[in-house]
C-alpha atoms as a PDB file:
ATOM      1  CA  UNK A   1      13.613  90.063 191.358  1.00  0.00           C
ATOM      2  CA  UNK A   2      14.280  87.960 188.901  1.00  0.00           C
ATOM      3  CA  UNK A   3      12.610  84.894 188.354  1.00  0.00           C
ATOM      4  CA  UNK A   4      15.495  82.820 189.377  1.00  0.00           C
ATOM      5  CA  UNK A   5      15.737  84.427 193.224  1.00  0.00           C
ATOM      6  CA  UNK A   6      12.114  84.306 193.464  1.00  0.00           C
ATOM      7  CA  UNK A   7      11.491  80.965 192.530  1.00  0.00           C
ATOM      8  CA  UNK A   8      14.657  80.104 195.639  1.00  0.00           C
ATOM      9  CA  UNK A   9      12.726  82.184 197.983  1.00  0.00           C
ATOM     10  CA  UNK A  10       9.470  79.501 197.534  1.00  0.00           C
ATOM     11  CA  UNK A  11       8.554  77.689 200.471  1.00  0.00           C
ATOM     12  CA  UNK A  12       8.826  74.233 198.952  1.00  0.00           C
ATOM     13  CA  UNK A  13       9.488  71.040 201.152  1.00  0.00           C
ATOM     14  CA  UNK A  14      12.246  69.635 198.490  1.00  0.00           C
ATOM     15  CA  UNK A  15      15.751  68.572 199.628  1.00  0.00           C
ATOM     16  CA  UNK A  16      17.955  65.547 198.686  1.00  0.00           C
ATOM     17  CA  UNK A  17      16.779  63.879 201.968  1.00  0.00           C
ATOM     18  CA  UNK A  18      13.146  64.109 201.030  1.00  0.00           C
ATOM     19  CA  UNK A  19      13.805  63.264 197.490  1.00  0.00           C
ATOM     20  CA  UNK A  20      15.678  59.972 198.266  1.00  0.00           C
ATOM     21  CA  UNK A  21      12.710  58.715 200.812  1.00  0.00           C
ATOM     22  CA  UNK A  22      10.027  59.403 198.048  1.00  0.00           C
ATOM     23  CA  UNK A  23      12.014  57.962 195.600  1.00  0.00           C
ATOM     24  CA  UNK A  24      12.671  54.911 197.643  1.00  0.00           C
ATOM     25  CA  UNK A  25       8.599  54.935 198.585  1.00  0.00           C
ATOM     26  CA  UNK A  26       7.554  55.270 195.398  1.00  0.00           C
ATOM     27  CA  UNK A  27       9.709  52.199 193.919  1.00  0.00           C
ATOM     28  CA  UNK A  28       8.678  50.375 196.741  1.00  0.00           C
ATOM     29  CA  UNK A  29       5.066  50.919 196.015  1.00  0.00           C
ATOM     30  CA  UNK A  30       4.986  50.375 192.296  1.00  0.00           C
ATOM     31  CA  UNK A  31       6.555  46.896 193.091  1.00  0.00           C
ATOM     32  CA  UNK A  32       4.104  46.406 195.399  1.00  0.00           C
ATOM     33  CA  UNK A  33       1.408  47.613 192.985  1.00  0.00           C
ATOM     34  CA  UNK A  34       2.367  45.507 189.803  1.00  0.00           C
ATOM     35  CA  UNK A  35       4.256  42.482 191.380  1.00  0.00           C
ATOM     36  CA  UNK A  36       2.835  42.157 194.712  1.00  0.00           C
ATOM     37  CA  UNK A  37       4.245  42.506 198.279  1.00  0.00           C
ATOM     38  CA  UNK A  38       6.158  39.288 198.451  1.00  0.00           C
ATOM     39  CA  UNK A  39       8.086  39.734 194.887  1.00  0.00           C
ATOM     40  CA  UNK A  40       8.713  43.815 196.084  1.00  0.00           C
ATOM     41  CA  UNK A  41      10.052  42.284 199.529  1.00  0.00           C
ATOM     42  CA  UNK A  42      12.143  39.985 197.509  1.00  0.00           C
ATOM     43  CA  UNK A  43      13.554  42.607 195.436  1.00  0.00           C
ATOM     44  CA  UNK A  44      14.313  44.626 198.076  1.00  0.00           C
ATOM     45  CA  UNK A  45      15.880  41.981 200.242  1.00  0.00           C
ATOM     46  CA  UNK A  46      18.616  41.766 197.482  1.00  0.00           C
ATOM     47  CA  UNK A  47      19.494  45.402 198.225  1.00  0.00           C
ATOM     48  CA  UNK A  48      19.396  44.990 201.717  1.00  0.00           C
ATOM     49  CA  UNK A  49      22.226  41.645 201.106  1.00  0.00           C
ATOM     50  CA  UNK A  50      24.294  43.903 199.333  1.00  0.00           C
ATOM     51  CA  UNK A  51      23.872  47.076 201.970  1.00  0.00           C
ATOM     52  CA  UNK A  52      24.269  44.395 204.654  1.00  0.00           C
ATOM     53  CA  UNK A  53      27.506  43.370 203.128  1.00  0.00           C
ATOM     54  CA  UNK A  54      28.840  46.708 202.435  1.00  0.00           C
ATOM     55  CA  UNK A  55      27.709  47.872 205.911  1.00  0.00           C
ATOM     56  CA  UNK A  56      29.521  44.862 207.587  1.00  0.00           C
ATOM     57  CA  UNK A  57      32.678  45.025 205.713  1.00  0.00           C
ATOM     58  CA  UNK A  58      32.889  48.891 206.994  1.00  0.00           C
ATOM     59  CA  UNK A  59      32.652  48.040 210.893  1.00  0.00           C
ATOM     60  CA  UNK A  60      35.088  45.211 210.660  1.00  0.00           C
ATOM     61  CA  UNK A  61      37.355  47.098 208.845  1.00  0.00           C
ATOM     62  CA  UNK A  62      36.844  49.846 211.824  1.00  0.00           C
ATOM     63  CA  UNK A  63      37.424  47.662 214.555  1.00  0.00           C
ATOM     64  CA  UNK A  64      40.309  45.952 212.617  1.00  0.00           C
ATOM     65  CA  UNK A  65      38.934  42.321 213.095  1.00  0.00           C
ATOM     66  CA  UNK A  66      37.753  39.697 210.968  1.00  0.00           C
ATOM     67  CA  UNK A  67      34.366  39.243 212.685  1.00  0.00           C
ATOM     68  CA  UNK A  68      32.380  40.980 215.395  1.00  0.00           C
ATOM     69  CA  UNK A  69      31.416  39.289 218.552  1.00  0.00           C
ATOM     70  CA  UNK A  70      27.612  39.139 219.774  1.00  0.00           C
ATOM     71  CA  UNK A  71      28.232  42.255 221.780  1.00  0.00           C
ATOM     72  CA  UNK A  72      29.714  44.195 219.210  1.00  0.00           C
ATOM     73  CA  UNK A  73      26.577  42.877 216.661  1.00  0.00           C
ATOM     74  CA  UNK A  74      24.332  44.489 218.900  1.00  0.00           C
ATOM     75  CA  UNK A  75      26.094  47.904 219.284  1.00  0.00           C
ATOM     76  CA  UNK A  76      26.465  47.332 215.328  1.00  0.00           C
ATOM     77  CA  UNK A  77      23.189  47.541 214.687  1.00  0.00           C
ATOM     78  CA  UNK A  78      21.791  50.383 216.834  1.00  0.00           C
ATOM     79  CA  UNK A  79      25.112  52.670 215.418  1.00  0.00           C
ATOM     80  CA  UNK A  80      24.098  52.317 211.884  1.00  0.00           C
ATOM     81  CA  UNK A  81      20.770  52.905 212.275  1.00  0.00           C
ATOM     82  CA  UNK A  82      21.238  56.121 214.673  1.00  0.00           C
ATOM     83  CA  UNK A  83      23.995  57.109 212.025  1.00  0.00           C
ATOM     84  CA  UNK A  84      21.226  56.949 209.185  1.00  0.00           C
ATOM     85  CA  UNK A  85      18.240  58.618 211.795  1.00  0.00           C
ATOM     86  CA  UNK A  86      16.908  55.230 212.481  1.00  0.00           C
ATOM     87  CA  UNK A  87      16.825  55.713 216.482  1.00  0.00           C
ATOM     88  CA  UNK A  88      17.072  52.000 217.560  1.00  0.00           C
ATOM     89  CA  UNK A  89      18.090  50.901 221.023  1.00  0.00           C
ATOM     90  CA  UNK A  90      18.391  47.410 222.874  1.00  0.00           C
ATOM     91  CA  UNK A  91      15.788  46.149 224.956  1.00  0.00           C
ATOM     92  CA  UNK A  92      17.362  43.271 225.800  1.00  0.00           C
ATOM     93  CA  UNK A  93      20.190  41.158 224.685  1.00  0.00           C
ATOM     94  CA  UNK A  94      21.446  37.696 225.796  1.00  0.00           C
ATOM     95  CA  UNK A  95      23.480  34.690 224.185  1.00  0.00           C
ATOM     96  CA  UNK A  96      19.681  33.440 222.339  1.00  0.00           C
ATOM     97  CA  UNK A  97      18.450  37.006 221.197  1.00  0.00           C
ATOM     98  CA  UNK A  98      18.368  40.490 220.498  1.00  0.00           C
ATOM     99  CA  UNK A  99      15.682  42.867 221.080  1.00  0.00           C
ATOM    100  CA  UNK A 100      15.722  46.282 219.258  1.00  0.00           C
ATOM    101  CA  UNK A 101      13.228  49.058 219.401  1.00  0.00           C
ATOM    102  CA  UNK A 102      12.856  52.394 217.601  1.00  0.00           C
ATOM    103  CA  UNK A 103      10.491  55.214 217.724  1.00  0.00           C
ATOM    104  CA  UNK A 104      11.801  56.699 214.374  1.00  0.00           C
ATOM    105  CA  UNK A 105      12.350  55.233 210.519  1.00  0.00           C
ATOM    106  CA  UNK A 106      14.977  56.697 208.376  1.00  0.00           C
ATOM    107  CA  UNK A 107      12.400  56.782 206.115  1.00  0.00           C
ATOM    108  CA  UNK A 108      10.091  58.799 208.094  1.00  0.00           C
ATOM    109  CA  UNK A 109       7.007  59.467 206.713  1.00  0.00           C
ATOM    110  CA  UNK A 110       7.640  57.822 203.636  1.00  0.00           C
ATOM    111  CA  UNK A 111       7.389  54.409 204.856  1.00  0.00           C
ATOM    112  CA  UNK A 112       3.958  54.381 205.974  1.00  0.00           C
ATOM    113  CA  UNK A 113       1.741  51.569 204.150  1.00  0.00           C
ATOM    114  CA  UNK A 114       5.265  50.535 202.385  1.00  0.00           C
ATOM    115  CA  UNK A 115       5.912  47.567 204.738  1.00  0.00           C
ATOM    116  CA  UNK A 116       8.585  45.590 201.829  1.00  0.00           C
ATOM    117  CA  UNK A 117      10.619  48.703 202.722  1.00  0.00           C
ATOM    118  CA  UNK A 118      10.936  46.802 206.030  1.00  0.00           C
ATOM    119  CA  UNK A 119      12.892  44.241 204.474  1.00  0.00           C
ATOM    120  CA  UNK A 120      16.173  46.715 204.182  1.00  0.00           C
ATOM    121  CA  UNK A 121      16.169  46.510 207.964  1.00  0.00           C
ATOM    122  CA  UNK A 122      15.560  42.737 208.421  1.00  0.00           C
ATOM    123  CA  UNK A 123      18.178  41.900 205.579  1.00  0.00           C
ATOM    124  CA  UNK A 124      20.728  44.365 206.834  1.00  0.00           C
ATOM    125  CA  UNK A 125      20.412  43.212 210.162  1.00  0.00           C
ATOM    126  CA  UNK A 126      20.023  39.476 209.020  1.00  0.00           C
ATOM    127  CA  UNK A 127      23.155  39.663 207.032  1.00  0.00           C
ATOM    128  CA  UNK A 128      25.596  41.122 209.382  1.00  0.00           C
ATOM    129  CA  UNK A 129      24.281  38.993 212.154  1.00  0.00           C
ATOM    130  CA  UNK A 130      24.644  35.743 210.372  1.00  0.00           C
ATOM    131  CA  UNK A 131      27.920  36.632 208.840  1.00  0.00           C
ATOM    132  CA  UNK A 132      29.378  37.440 212.202  1.00  0.00           C
ATOM    133  CA  UNK A 133      27.682  34.651 214.393  1.00  0.00           C
ATOM    134  CA  UNK A 134      26.651  32.189 211.783  1.00  0.00           C
ATOM    135  CA  UNK A 135      22.853  32.480 212.050  1.00  0.00           C
ATOM    136  CA  UNK A 136      20.040  35.463 212.527  1.00  0.00           C
ATOM    137  CA  UNK A 137      16.519  35.045 212.508  1.00  0.00           C
ATOM    138  CA  UNK A 138      14.746  38.463 211.959  1.00  0.00           C
ATOM    139  CA  UNK A 139      11.328  38.617 213.394  1.00  0.00           C
ATOM    140  CA  UNK A 140       9.744  42.243 212.743  1.00  0.00           C
ATOM    141  CA  UNK A 141       7.198  42.426 215.233  1.00  0.00           C
ATOM    142  CA  UNK A 142       6.031  45.851 215.305  1.00  0.00           C
ATOM    143  CA  UNK A 143       7.008  48.483 212.084  1.00  0.00           C
ATOM    144  CA  UNK A 144       6.193  52.249 211.584  1.00  0.00           C
ATOM    145  CA  UNK A 145       5.435  51.034 207.832  1.00  0.00           C
ATOM    146  CA  UNK A 146       2.780  49.422 209.661  1.00  0.00           C
ATOM    147  CA  UNK A 147       1.775  52.656 211.456  1.00  0.00           C
ATOM    148  CA  UNK A 148       2.566  50.869 214.764  1.00  0.00           C
ATOM    149  CA  UNK A 149       3.822  53.587 217.295  1.00  0.00           C
ATOM    150  CA  UNK A 150       7.519  51.941 216.823  1.00  0.00           C
ATOM    151  CA  UNK A 151       9.599  49.477 215.400  1.00  0.00           C
ATOM    152  CA  UNK A 152      10.398  46.366 217.745  1.00  0.00           C
ATOM    153  CA  UNK A 153      12.478  44.060 216.087  1.00  0.00           C
ATOM    154  CA  UNK A 154      13.952  40.328 217.388  1.00  0.00           C
ATOM    155  CA  UNK A 155      17.238  38.930 216.443  1.00  0.00           C
ATOM    156  CA  UNK A 156      17.449  34.810 217.176  1.00  0.00           C
ATOM    157  CA  UNK A 157      21.149  34.240 217.580  1.00  0.00           C
ATOM    158  CA  UNK A 158      20.505  30.436 217.111  1.00  0.00           C
ATOM    159  CA  UNK A 159      17.594  27.784 215.902  1.00  0.00           C
ATOM    160  CA  UNK A 160      15.216  27.064 218.805  1.00  0.00           C
ATOM    161  CA  UNK A 161      11.713  26.188 219.446  1.00  0.00           C
ATOM    162  CA  UNK A 162      11.087  29.656 220.341  1.00  0.00           C
ATOM    163  CA  UNK A 163      12.789  30.977 217.014  1.00  0.00           C
ATOM    164  CA  UNK A 164      11.462  28.394 215.043  1.00  0.00           C
ATOM    165  CA  UNK A 165       7.738  29.309 215.939  1.00  0.00           C
ATOM    166  CA  UNK A 166       8.572  32.961 215.240  1.00  0.00           C
ATOM    167  CA  UNK A 167       7.341  34.482 211.937  1.00  0.00           C
ATOM    168  CA  UNK A 168      10.458  35.842 210.436  1.00  0.00           C
ATOM    169  CA  UNK A 169      13.329  35.497 208.156  1.00  0.00           C
ATOM    170  CA  UNK A 170      16.495  33.281 208.389  1.00  0.00           C
ATOM    171  CA  UNK A 171      20.239  34.044 207.513  1.00  0.00           C
ATOM    172  CA  UNK A 172      23.006  32.105 207.553  1.00  0.00           C
ATOM    173  CA  UNK A 173      26.483  32.608 207.288  1.00  0.00           C
ATOM    174  CA  UNK A 174      29.391  31.110 205.482  1.00  0.00           C
END
């Protein structure tokens, strides 16, 4: 057996999915270590904002509309996470808020102890919701990154006393 064939038969857990999850984990970890959590979250938020805009355009074009309804926004947030293996589902929704939960993260175990990576979820959810509905406040109540058993995310759809007291990020539409 030649060296290349022998190397290909080694049981090494490496593929593009594992590589990119690890790459993002290490980038987030390096940012957190060098510039601190808040600044790292800020940088990751910018990436999440661009991704949110891009994903929103995919869905609005797919539906053939210029903006999504509240019900469509909730379904889009679940669908996009399902497509990237985030396993989110709607816990409850009404005219004031949408509550989502998930027992898995698209980043898998690579997200552990890297809470700045959750800014990706916050910004994608916030941008899509605010772009279509005018406002969003995303509250990451529980996260797998902080080693909770699930992610639990509340998205407030309007400013209110309840939303004002919640610790999260606000997003505004045009």
